Amino acid sequence: MGPVRTLDDLMAVGHGYQRAMTLFAALKLGVFRGLAAGGCDASALARRVGADPGKLSVLLDALAALGLVRKKGKMYRNAQVARELLLPGPHSMESILLHHLDGWGEWGRLSAAIRAGRTPRGGAKGNGRENFIRGMEENARERAAAVAGRILLRPGDRVLDLGGGPGTYAVAWADACPGAEITVFDTPATLRVTRKILREKGADGRVRLVGGDFLEDPLGGPYDFVWISQILHAYSVSDCVRLLRRARSALVPGGRAAIQEFLLAEGKTSPPGPVFFSVHMVAVTGSGRAYTAREIAGMMKAAGFRKISADPPDPRGVGILRGVR
């Protein structure tokens, strides 16, 4: 969606939640999984998913308008895009979309968060945490192989994936350089989900998992390379510098670090993805936001890194900055 220039543009923004919630409700109800058993009418699907058939038919018609289901007469079936992206499988985006739904309450309190500057309730728990970690795996699975092909390791390199969540990047580096020793450091609650994901992928035992608080607990090491992907946006500048100092201290002299983030352009009004992601961070964290490449480079310099460089961001605004201890 581009800039608002007309009344229709304005109302499309105001009504945007309706399409999002239609999709989210369908996911929460298990509509697409229910239709995976075969096309059916609203009454039959209502029995499969445990819903009111009349209200479900209204939702199904809206999903048909979105192109996510196909309707012929009274029969509904999943459209191809739903079969590819909204059902379990190698291309599924189900978990990351459910993670967005988990943040709906915080978005509803966005104005209060901005007014008060308050720290919201604690992080995701239960299914919310699992949706988040699995969603991070969905977001990273294609990019991880490309990154592992650009940032090359050597056999024997000791690697720290700091805040590595589902371990997607760690496994990609293990594939690219089997002789590297790779550690994923994250909270114990996160690593419980990580272990499930690694078992499902047949990758358990290929990387080392260490639980802790990366702002407080020892990080281990020394390491030859530290990877920090999509972590800084959840923290204030001062905490980011603190984390980067700790990461630098865990490196051998001359060791490398790379930071991947959604990067704002210098004016902070583009690209759209990082701009609205920054608002999301305001909604769901106490002090996080998206940063520009210049801001992150400044943090790295303050933490003691040298030879700082930035790769051009991709069309979604995701970029990598590199530095050396």
Protein backbone atom coordinates (compact mmCIF):
# COMPACT_ATOMS: atom_id res chain seq x y z
CA MET A 1 0.00 0.00 0.00
CA GLY A 2 1.41 3.39 -1.02
CA PRO A 3 1.03 6.82 0.61
CA VAL A 4 -2.44 8.10 1.46
CA ARG A 5 -3.52 10.61 -1.20
CA THR A 6 -7.30 10.25 -1.47
CA LEU A 7 -10.35 9.50 0.64
CA ASP A 8 -10.38 5.94 -0.70
CA ASP A 9 -6.73 5.52 0.30
CA LEU A 10 -7.53 6.80 3.79
CA MET A 11 -10.46 4.46 4.26
CA ALA A 12 -8.45 1.50 2.94
CA VAL A 13 -5.94 2.14 5.74
CA GLY A 14 -8.71 2.43 8.32
CA HIS A 15 -10.36 -0.78 7.16
CA GLY A 16 -7.12 -2.73 6.80
CA TYR A 17 -7.66 -4.56 10.10
CA GLN A 18 -10.76 -6.25 8.64
CA ARG A 19 -8.78 -8.24 6.08
CA ALA A 20 -6.08 -9.06 8.61
CA MET A 21 -8.56 -10.30 11.19
CA THR A 22 -10.44 -12.35 8.59
CA LEU A 23 -7.19 -14.19 7.87
CA PHE A 24 -6.23 -14.46 11.55
CA ALA A 25 -9.65 -15.79 12.57
CA ALA A 26 -9.46 -18.43 9.85
CA LEU A 27 -6.05 -19.53 11.07
CA LYS A 28 -7.15 -19.59 14.70
CA LEU A 29 -10.25 -21.64 13.84
CA GLY A 30 -8.26 -24.08 11.72
CA VAL A 31 -10.25 -23.32 8.55
CA PHE A 32 -7.44 -24.09 6.11
CA ARG A 33 -6.48 -27.28 7.93
CA GLY A 34 -10.16 -28.26 7.97
CA LEU A 35 -10.46 -27.75 4.22
CA ALA A 36 -7.27 -29.75 3.65
CA ALA A 37 -9.39 -32.84 4.35
CA GLY A 38 -11.39 -32.02 1.20
CA GLY A 39 -13.77 -29.42 -0.15
CA CYS A 40 -17.09 -29.13 1.65
CA ASP A 41 -19.93 -26.78 2.50
CA ALA A 42 -19.98 -24.48 5.54
CA SER A 43 -22.01 -26.92 7.67
CA ALA A 44 -19.57 -29.79 7.13
CA LEU A 45 -16.57 -27.55 7.83
CA ALA A 46 -18.30 -26.18 10.94
CA ARG A 47 -18.47 -29.73 12.28
CA ARG A 48 -14.77 -30.26 11.49
CA VAL A 49 -13.57 -27.10 13.25
CA GLY A 50 -16.26 -26.64 15.91
CA ALA A 51 -17.96 -23.44 14.73
CA ASP A 52 -21.37 -21.95 14.01
CA PRO A 53 -22.16 -22.80 10.35
CA GLY A 54 -23.98 -19.55 9.57
CA LYS A 55 -21.22 -17.29 10.86
CA LEU A 56 -18.55 -19.53 9.40
CA SER A 57 -20.15 -19.18 5.96
CA VAL A 58 -19.76 -15.39 6.22
CA LEU A 59 -16.08 -15.82 7.05
CA LEU A 60 -15.62 -18.30 4.19
CA ASP A 61 -17.17 -15.87 1.71
CA ALA A 62 -14.75 -13.17 2.87
CA LEU A 63 -11.85 -15.61 2.48
CA ALA A 64 -13.08 -16.30 -1.05
CA ALA A 65 -13.06 -12.55 -1.72
CA LEU A 66 -9.43 -12.49 -0.55
CA GLY A 67 -8.57 -15.35 -2.89
CA LEU A 68 -7.59 -17.70 -0.06
CA VAL A 69 -10.43 -20.18 -0.68
CA ARG A 70 -12.39 -21.06 -3.79
CA LYS A 71 -16.20 -21.21 -3.78
CA LYS A 72 -18.36 -23.15 -6.24
CA GLY A 73 -22.03 -23.25 -5.40
CA LYS A 74 -22.08 -23.98 -1.68
CA MET A 75 -18.76 -25.80 -1.69
CA TYR A 76 -15.46 -24.35 -0.46
CA ARG A 77 -11.88 -25.53 -0.94
CA ASN A 78 -8.44 -24.10 -0.28
CA ALA A 79 -6.95 -21.97 -3.02
CA GLN A 80 -3.44 -22.86 -4.16
CA VAL A 81 -1.86 -20.00 -2.20
CA ALA A 82 -3.49 -21.29 0.99
CA ARG A 83 -2.32 -24.85 0.28
CA GLU A 84 1.26 -23.62 -0.20
CA LEU A 85 1.55 -21.01 2.55
CA LEU A 86 -1.11 -21.63 5.20
CA LEU A 87 -0.82 -25.38 5.79
CA PRO A 88 2.09 -27.26 7.42
CA GLY A 89 4.88 -27.75 4.94
CA PRO A 90 8.23 -26.43 3.73
CA HIS A 91 6.79 -23.07 2.65
CA SER A 92 4.25 -22.54 5.45
CA MET A 93 3.90 -19.06 6.99
CA GLU A 94 1.26 -20.18 9.48
CA SER A 95 3.33 -19.61 12.63
CA ILE A 96 4.55 -16.12 11.78
CA LEU A 97 0.99 -15.05 10.97
CA LEU A 98 -0.24 -16.47 14.28
CA HIS A 99 2.60 -14.55 15.95
CA HIS A 100 1.22 -11.35 14.41
CA LEU A 101 -2.17 -12.25 15.88
CA ASP A 102 -0.54 -12.79 19.29
CA GLY A 103 0.57 -9.14 19.17
CA TRP A 104 -2.92 -7.84 18.44
CA GLY A 105 -3.57 -6.88 22.06
CA GLU A 106 -0.39 -4.78 22.25
CA TRP A 107 -1.29 -3.00 19.02
CA GLY A 108 -4.68 -2.19 20.54
CA ARG A 109 -2.83 -0.48 23.40
CA LEU A 110 -0.35 1.33 21.12
CA SER A 111 -1.59 4.84 21.92
CA ALA A 112 -1.31 4.14 25.67
CA ALA A 113 2.22 2.81 25.20
CA ILE A 114 3.24 5.94 23.29
CA ARG A 115 1.55 8.25 25.78
CA ALA A 116 3.02 6.63 28.89
CA GLY A 117 6.24 5.17 27.54
CA ARG A 118 5.45 2.21 29.72
CA THR A 119 7.12 -1.20 29.58
CA PRO A 120 4.53 -3.79 28.47
CA ARG A 121 3.90 -7.10 30.14
CA GLY A 122 6.51 -9.85 29.90
CA GLY A 123 7.44 -11.64 26.71
CA ALA A 124 5.43 -14.25 24.87
CA LYS A 125 4.53 -17.40 26.76
CA GLY A 126 3.15 -20.82 25.89
CA ASN A 127 1.74 -21.04 22.37
CA GLY A 128 2.65 -17.38 21.83
CA ARG A 129 6.33 -18.13 22.34
CA GLU A 130 6.19 -21.17 20.09
CA ASN A 131 4.40 -19.20 17.35
CA PHE A 132 7.12 -16.57 17.61
CA ILE A 133 10.09 -18.96 17.44
CA ARG A 134 8.55 -21.03 14.66
CA GLY A 135 7.66 -17.81 12.86
CA MET A 136 11.29 -16.74 13.03
CA GLU A 137 12.22 -20.06 11.42
CA GLU A 138 9.72 -19.46 8.63
CA ASN A 139 11.11 -15.97 8.03
CA ALA A 140 14.73 -17.13 8.01
CA ARG A 141 14.76 -20.46 6.21
CA GLU A 142 15.40 -19.12 2.69
CA ARG A 143 17.60 -16.23 3.72
CA ALA A 144 19.76 -18.36 6.02
CA ALA A 145 21.25 -20.42 3.19
CA ALA A 146 22.04 -17.26 1.23
CA VAL A 147 23.72 -15.65 4.25
CA ALA A 148 25.76 -18.78 4.94
CA GLY A 149 26.94 -18.62 1.34
CA ARG A 150 28.01 -14.97 1.69
CA ILE A 151 29.62 -15.07 5.14
CA LEU A 152 32.05 -17.93 4.80
CA LEU A 153 33.42 -19.98 7.68
CA ARG A 154 36.53 -22.11 7.93
CA PRO A 155 36.76 -25.61 9.40
CA GLY A 156 37.42 -25.26 13.10
CA ASP A 157 35.83 -21.82 13.40
CA ARG A 158 33.97 -21.35 16.67
CA VAL A 159 30.70 -19.55 15.99
CA LEU A 160 28.18 -17.93 18.33
CA ASP A 161 24.63 -17.39 17.06
CA LEU A 162 23.56 -14.91 19.74
CA GLY A 163 19.82 -14.94 20.36
CA GLY A 164 19.65 -17.58 17.63
CA GLY A 165 16.04 -18.63 18.32
CA PRO A 166 15.10 -21.58 16.08
CA GLY A 167 18.71 -22.20 15.07
CA THR A 168 17.98 -21.67 11.36
CA TYR A 169 21.16 -19.73 10.64
CA ALA A 170 23.25 -22.05 12.81
CA VAL A 171 22.07 -25.10 10.85
CA ALA A 172 22.70 -23.30 7.55
CA TRP A 173 26.31 -22.68 8.59
CA ALA A 174 26.63 -26.25 9.79
CA ASP A 175 25.54 -27.35 6.31
CA ALA A 176 27.92 -24.92 4.60
CA CYS A 177 30.92 -25.68 6.81
CA PRO A 178 30.57 -29.04 8.64
CA GLY A 179 33.91 -28.50 10.42
CA ALA A 180 32.75 -25.36 12.26
CA GLU A 181 31.70 -25.50 15.92
CA ILE A 182 28.42 -23.60 16.22
CA THR A 183 26.67 -22.51 19.43
CA VAL A 184 23.15 -21.08 19.68
CA PHE A 185 22.72 -18.92 22.80
CA ASP A 186 19.16 -18.04 23.83
CA THR A 187 16.82 -18.21 26.79
CA PRO A 188 16.02 -21.66 28.21
CA ALA A 189 12.33 -21.21 27.33
CA THR A 190 13.23 -20.42 23.72
CA LEU A 191 15.60 -23.36 23.48
CA ARG A 192 12.81 -25.74 24.47
CA VAL A 193 11.14 -24.79 21.17
CA THR A 194 14.47 -24.82 19.34
CA ARG A 195 15.04 -28.45 20.32
CA LYS A 196 11.64 -29.41 18.88
CA ILE A 197 12.40 -27.63 15.59
CA LEU A 198 15.85 -29.19 15.29
CA ARG A 199 14.43 -32.67 15.94
CA GLU A 200 11.75 -32.14 13.29
CA LYS A 201 14.44 -31.11 10.79
CA GLY A 202 16.73 -33.99 11.72
CA ALA A 203 19.32 -31.46 12.86
CA ASP A 204 19.48 -32.10 16.59
CA GLY A 205 23.04 -32.59 17.75
CA ARG A 206 24.50 -30.60 14.86
CA VAL A 207 24.72 -27.37 16.87
CA ARG A 208 25.33 -26.70 20.55
CA LEU A 209 22.56 -25.04 22.57
CA VAL A 210 23.35 -22.84 25.58
CA GLY A 211 20.64 -21.20 27.68
CA GLY A 212 20.91 -17.87 29.44
CA ASP A 213 20.30 -14.13 29.41
CA PHE A 214 22.68 -12.60 26.89
CA LEU A 215 22.73 -9.28 28.75
CA GLU A 216 23.73 -10.91 32.03
CA ASP A 217 25.14 -14.44 31.72
CA PRO A 218 28.55 -15.57 30.39
CA LEU A 219 28.48 -16.11 26.63
CA GLY A 220 31.29 -18.66 26.56
CA GLY A 221 33.96 -18.59 23.89
CA PRO A 222 36.25 -17.30 22.74
CA TYR A 223 34.65 -17.34 19.30
CA ASP A 224 35.95 -16.60 15.82
CA PHE A 225 32.61 -15.25 14.59
CA VAL A 226 29.49 -13.87 16.31
CA TRP A 227 26.19 -13.59 14.44
CA ILE A 228 23.44 -11.32 15.85
CA SER A 229 20.29 -11.44 13.72
CA GLN A 230 17.17 -9.36 14.41
CA ILE A 231 17.97 -8.76 18.07
CA LEU A 232 18.91 -5.08 18.41
CA HIS A 233 15.47 -3.77 17.43
CA ALA A 234 14.04 -5.12 20.70
CA TYR A 235 16.35 -2.96 22.85
CA SER A 236 17.30 0.63 23.60
CA VAL A 237 20.52 2.11 22.20
CA SER A 238 22.25 1.76 25.58
CA ASP A 239 21.30 -1.92 25.89
CA CYS A 240 22.35 -2.54 22.28
CA VAL A 241 25.79 -1.10 22.99
CA ARG A 242 26.00 -3.19 26.14
CA LEU A 243 25.11 -6.35 24.21
CA LEU A 244 27.61 -5.55 21.45
CA ARG A 245 30.37 -4.98 24.02
CA ARG A 246 29.64 -8.39 25.51
CA ALA A 247 29.69 -9.97 22.05
CA ARG A 248 33.00 -8.29 21.24
CA SER A 249 34.51 -9.52 24.51
CA ALA A 250 33.54 -13.08 23.55
CA LEU A 251 35.58 -12.86 20.31
CA VAL A 252 39.19 -13.76 19.77
CA PRO A 253 41.43 -10.82 18.76
CA GLY A 254 40.64 -10.18 15.11
CA GLY A 255 37.37 -12.13 15.39
CA ARG A 256 34.43 -11.10 13.24
CA ALA A 257 30.88 -10.05 14.04
CA ALA A 258 27.88 -9.50 11.78
CA ILE A 259 24.60 -7.84 12.73
CA GLN A 260 21.48 -8.35 10.64
CA GLU A 261 18.53 -6.01 11.07
CA PHE A 262 15.53 -4.38 9.43
CA LEU A 263 17.19 -1.09 8.46
CA LEU A 264 15.47 2.26 8.22
CA ALA A 265 16.69 4.70 5.60
CA GLU A 266 18.30 7.81 7.05
CA GLY A 267 15.08 9.84 7.03
CA LYS A 268 13.32 6.98 8.91
CA THR A 269 10.23 7.18 6.67
CA SER A 270 11.20 4.29 4.38
CA PRO A 271 11.24 1.48 3.41
CA PRO A 272 7.70 0.62 4.54
CA GLY A 273 8.56 -2.74 6.13
CA PRO A 274 11.09 -1.40 8.66
CA VAL A 275 9.00 1.75 9.27
CA PHE A 276 5.94 -0.19 10.42
CA PHE A 277 8.06 -2.85 12.09
CA SER A 278 9.48 -0.03 14.21
CA VAL A 279 5.94 0.83 15.32
CA HIS A 280 5.43 -2.84 16.15
CA MET A 281 8.49 -2.68 18.41
CA VAL A 282 7.03 0.36 20.17
CA ALA A 283 3.85 -1.65 20.73
CA VAL A 284 5.42 -4.87 22.02
CA THR A 285 8.71 -3.89 23.70
CA GLY A 286 9.69 -1.50 26.44
CA SER A 287 12.27 0.49 24.47
CA GLY A 288 12.88 -1.12 21.09
CA ARG A 289 12.57 0.29 17.57
CA ALA A 290 14.14 -0.16 14.16
CA TYR A 291 17.46 1.60 13.52
CA THR A 292 19.34 3.04 10.57
CA ALA A 293 22.60 1.52 9.37
CA ARG A 294 24.37 4.66 10.62
CA GLU A 295 22.88 4.21 14.09
CA ILE A 296 23.94 0.57 14.30
CA ALA A 297 27.42 1.42 13.02
CA GLY A 298 27.60 4.00 15.82
CA MET A 299 26.64 1.38 18.37
CA MET A 300 29.30 -0.98 17.02
CA LYS A 301 31.92 1.75 17.20
CA ALA A 302 30.90 2.59 20.78
CA ALA A 303 31.26 -1.12 21.64
CA GLY A 304 34.83 -1.12 20.33
CA PHE A 305 34.44 -2.74 16.91
CA ARG A 306 36.62 -1.58 14.03
CA LYS A 307 36.58 -2.00 10.24
CA ILE A 308 32.82 -1.52 10.31
CA SER A 309 31.05 -1.94 6.98
CA ALA A 310 27.46 -2.29 5.79
CA ASP A 311 26.07 -4.47 3.01
CA PRO A 312 23.27 -2.86 0.96
CA PRO A 313 19.85 -3.87 2.36
CA ASP A 314 17.59 -6.10 0.30
CA PRO A 315 14.23 -4.86 -1.07
CA ARG A 316 12.56 -5.65 2.27
CA GLY A 317 15.04 -3.44 4.09
CA VAL A 318 17.03 -6.27 5.70
CA GLY A 319 20.75 -5.49 5.80
CA ILE A 320 23.95 -6.71 7.44
CA LEU A 321 26.68 -4.71 9.16
CA ARG A 322 30.07 -6.26 9.83
CA GLY A 323 32.90 -5.46 12.21
CA VAL A 324 36.13 -6.83 13.65
CA ARG A 325 37.36 -6.99 17.22
